[in-house]
Protein backbone atom coordinates (compact mmCIF):
# COMPACT_ATOMS: atom_id res chain seq x y z
CA MET A 1 -48.73 -27.45 67.71
CA LYS A 2 -47.43 -26.41 64.31
CA LYS A 3 -44.35 -28.64 64.76
CA ILE A 4 -46.52 -31.63 65.64
CA LEU A 5 -48.68 -31.05 62.55
CA ILE A 6 -45.61 -30.80 60.30
CA ALA A 7 -44.03 -33.91 61.86
CA SER A 8 -47.22 -35.96 61.50
CA THR A 9 -47.59 -34.86 57.87
CA ILE A 10 -44.01 -35.92 57.10
CA LEU A 11 -44.42 -39.26 58.90
CA SER A 12 -47.68 -40.05 57.12
CA SER A 13 -46.00 -39.27 53.79
CA VAL A 14 -43.11 -41.59 54.61
CA PHE A 15 -45.42 -44.42 55.63
CA ALA A 16 -47.62 -43.96 52.56
CA TYR A 17 -44.57 -44.00 50.29
CA SER A 18 -42.99 -47.04 51.92
CA GLN A 19 -45.94 -49.38 51.44
CA MET A 20 -45.50 -52.02 48.76
CA ALA A 21 -47.59 -51.71 45.63
CA ASP A 22 -49.66 -54.74 44.70
CA LEU A 23 -48.27 -57.22 42.19
CA LEU A 24 -50.80 -58.63 39.72
CA ILE A 25 -49.87 -61.54 37.47
CA VAL A 26 -52.30 -62.02 34.57
CA ASN A 27 -51.80 -65.21 32.59
CA ASN A 28 -53.70 -64.88 29.30
CA SER A 29 -51.72 -67.70 27.70
CA SER A 30 -52.86 -71.29 27.26
CA TYR A 31 -50.00 -72.45 29.53
CA VAL A 32 -49.64 -72.70 33.31
CA TYR A 33 -47.38 -70.11 34.99
CA TRP A 34 -45.20 -71.95 37.51
CA GLY A 35 -42.68 -69.90 39.44
CA LYS A 36 -41.46 -67.55 42.13
CA ILE A 37 -41.93 -63.86 42.81
CA ALA A 38 -39.42 -61.65 44.55
CA ALA A 39 -39.02 -58.20 46.03
CA GLY A 40 -35.71 -56.39 46.06
CA ASN A 41 -34.04 -53.14 47.00
CA HIS A 42 -34.67 -50.77 44.07
CA SER A 43 -32.34 -48.05 45.33
CA GLY A 44 -29.19 -49.99 44.51
CA THR A 45 -27.78 -49.52 48.01
CA ASN A 46 -28.05 -53.26 48.80
CA CYS A 47 -28.63 -55.38 45.69
CA ALA A 48 -28.26 -58.56 47.77
CA LEU A 49 -31.43 -57.71 49.72
CA THR A 50 -34.20 -59.91 48.33
CA VAL A 51 -37.37 -61.51 49.65
CA VAL A 52 -38.30 -64.48 47.43
CA SER A 53 -41.23 -66.85 47.58
CA TYR A 54 -39.68 -69.99 49.07
CA THR A 55 -39.44 -73.15 46.97
CA PRO A 56 -42.30 -75.15 48.54
CA SER A 57 -44.55 -72.17 47.80
CA VAL A 58 -44.47 -72.42 44.02
CA ILE A 59 -46.93 -70.04 42.46
CA LYS A 60 -49.21 -71.74 39.96
CA ILE A 61 -51.53 -69.70 37.75
CA ASP A 62 -53.54 -71.55 35.12
CA GLY A 63 -54.01 -70.09 31.66
CA GLY A 64 -56.77 -67.49 31.62
CA ARG A 65 -56.38 -66.79 35.35
CA ASP A 66 -54.64 -64.20 37.51
CA SER A 67 -53.28 -63.81 41.02
CA GLN A 68 -52.65 -60.66 43.04
CA TYR A 69 -50.09 -60.11 45.81
CA GLU A 70 -50.61 -57.10 48.06
CA ASP A 71 -47.65 -57.71 50.37
CA PHE A 72 -45.81 -60.59 52.04
CA LYS A 73 -48.49 -61.29 54.66
CA GLY A 74 -51.81 -60.06 53.27
CA GLN A 75 -51.37 -62.06 50.06
CA TYR A 76 -51.73 -65.29 52.07
CA TYR A 77 -55.40 -64.47 52.69
CA THR A 78 -56.32 -62.84 49.37
CA SER A 79 -54.24 -64.40 46.58
CA ASN A 80 -55.42 -67.22 44.31
CA SER A 81 -51.98 -68.84 44.74
CA PRO A 82 -50.73 -67.79 48.20
CA VAL A 83 -47.15 -67.98 49.46
CA ASP A 84 -46.72 -69.37 52.97
CA GLN A 85 -42.92 -68.96 53.28
CA TRP A 86 -40.44 -66.34 52.09
CA GLU A 87 -36.66 -66.63 51.83
CA VAL A 88 -35.00 -63.43 53.04
CA ASN A 89 -31.45 -62.59 52.00
CA ASP A 90 -30.16 -59.37 53.53
CA GLY A 91 -26.68 -59.67 52.00
CA VAL A 92 -25.02 -59.92 55.40
CA ASN A 93 -26.41 -62.99 57.16
CA PRO A 94 -27.14 -66.41 55.65
CA PRO A 95 -30.57 -66.48 53.97
CA SER A 96 -33.42 -67.32 56.32
CA VAL A 97 -36.89 -68.69 55.69
CA LEU A 98 -39.76 -66.82 57.35
CA ASN A 99 -43.43 -67.77 57.54
CA PHE A 100 -45.78 -65.30 55.86
CA ASP A 101 -46.92 -63.93 59.23
CA HIS A 102 -43.44 -63.22 60.64
CA PRO A 103 -43.32 -59.63 62.01
CA ASP A 104 -40.24 -58.72 59.92
CA LEU A 105 -42.26 -59.33 56.75
CA SER A 106 -44.85 -56.81 57.93
CA TYR A 107 -42.73 -54.13 59.51
CA ILE A 108 -39.19 -54.18 58.07
CA TYR A 109 -39.05 -55.56 54.54
CA PRO A 110 -42.02 -53.74 52.96
CA ASP A 111 -40.18 -50.49 53.72
CA LEU A 112 -36.91 -51.71 52.17
CA THR A 113 -38.14 -53.63 49.12
CA LYS A 114 -40.56 -53.47 46.20
CA TRP A 115 -41.68 -56.18 43.78
CA ALA A 116 -38.64 -56.76 41.59
CA PHE A 117 -38.59 -59.97 39.55
CA SER A 118 -40.11 -63.36 38.80
CA GLU A 119 -38.39 -66.60 37.82
CA PHE A 120 -40.88 -68.84 36.08
CA GLU A 121 -41.71 -71.62 33.66
CA MET A 122 -44.68 -71.96 31.39
CA ILE A 123 -46.02 -75.52 31.51
CA ASP A 124 -48.19 -77.27 28.93
CA SER A 125 -51.09 -78.49 31.08
CA GLY A 126 -51.78 -81.39 28.72
CA THR A 127 -48.29 -82.88 28.69
CA GLY A 128 -46.69 -81.33 31.79
CA ALA A 129 -43.75 -80.26 29.63
CA SER A 130 -42.01 -76.95 30.16
CA VAL A 131 -42.34 -74.79 27.04
CA PHE A 132 -40.52 -71.72 28.40
CA THR A 133 -38.17 -70.96 31.30
CA GLY A 134 -37.02 -67.46 32.12
CA GLN A 135 -37.00 -64.41 34.31
CA ILE A 136 -38.75 -61.06 34.03
CA GLN A 137 -38.12 -58.00 36.15
CA SER A 138 -39.62 -54.66 37.00
CA PRO A 139 -38.41 -51.89 34.68
CA ALA A 140 -37.56 -49.94 37.86
CA TYR A 141 -35.18 -52.68 39.12
CA THR A 142 -32.41 -51.89 36.62
CA THR A 143 -29.83 -50.87 39.23
CA CYS A 144 -29.70 -54.40 40.67
CA GLY A 145 -31.22 -56.70 38.06
CA THR A 146 -30.32 -57.73 34.54
CA ALA A 147 -33.42 -59.61 33.37
CA PRO A 148 -35.67 -58.10 30.69
CA SER A 149 -38.96 -56.38 31.50
CA VAL A 150 -40.36 -57.53 28.14
CA ILE A 151 -40.20 -61.06 26.71
CA ASN A 152 -41.16 -61.73 23.09
CA ASN A 153 -40.65 -65.22 21.73
CA PRO A 154 -42.62 -67.81 19.73
CA VAL A 155 -44.12 -69.38 22.87
CA ILE A 156 -45.10 -66.41 25.05
CA ASN A 157 -45.07 -62.65 25.21
CA ALA A 158 -44.75 -61.11 28.66
CA GLU A 159 -44.34 -57.59 29.97
CA TRP A 160 -43.83 -56.07 33.42
CA SER A 161 -45.44 -52.65 33.58
CA TYR A 162 -47.39 -50.43 35.94
CA VAL A 163 -51.08 -49.55 35.95
CA ASN A 164 -53.28 -47.48 38.22
CA ASP A 165 -56.10 -49.14 40.11
CA PRO A 166 -59.26 -47.45 38.75
CA VAL A 167 -60.94 -47.57 42.18
CA THR A 168 -58.15 -46.58 44.60
CA GLY A 169 -55.73 -44.83 42.24
CA ASP A 170 -52.88 -46.92 43.68
CA THR A 171 -50.10 -48.08 41.38
CA ILE A 172 -50.04 -51.82 40.66
CA SER A 173 -47.08 -53.77 39.31
CA LEU A 174 -48.44 -55.86 36.45
CA ILE A 175 -46.95 -58.93 34.81
CA LEU A 176 -49.03 -59.60 31.71
CA ILE A 177 -48.45 -62.92 29.93
CA ASN A 178 -49.96 -63.67 26.52
């Protein structure tokens, strides 16, 4: 009985640890965020492993709005700008495109990846012109990524940081754009 209790405690700890943290993008700027989000392997053991929102699923967040992504599947039902397809690159096989409800996105990749980076543009909603193009990454993704976690320029200021949810206590990855 003691062995079963110890084993179940260890397994529950592993499953709790392996769940993806939410990603919250807050766009406080006057521009439209237009881009992709991606998860990657933070351990550095397989830097080619990425799960990226697929091109038809461009994320659009108007100025003064936000969008939250809990995981690859759940976000489809809860996000203000949901992603319906994800491109998976495991570093071994050619990249594949999976629908948001594919079982691998629920059972394999959340254990291997965490939110890692975003490639995006800021668009002037009046003219449709791009005023900024760049990439921002999680400060914890330094083993595999080279993008900054802070952007300061005349057009926008952006930072990727972590905050605790005041209700659940869970850690949330936050991209704050001003």
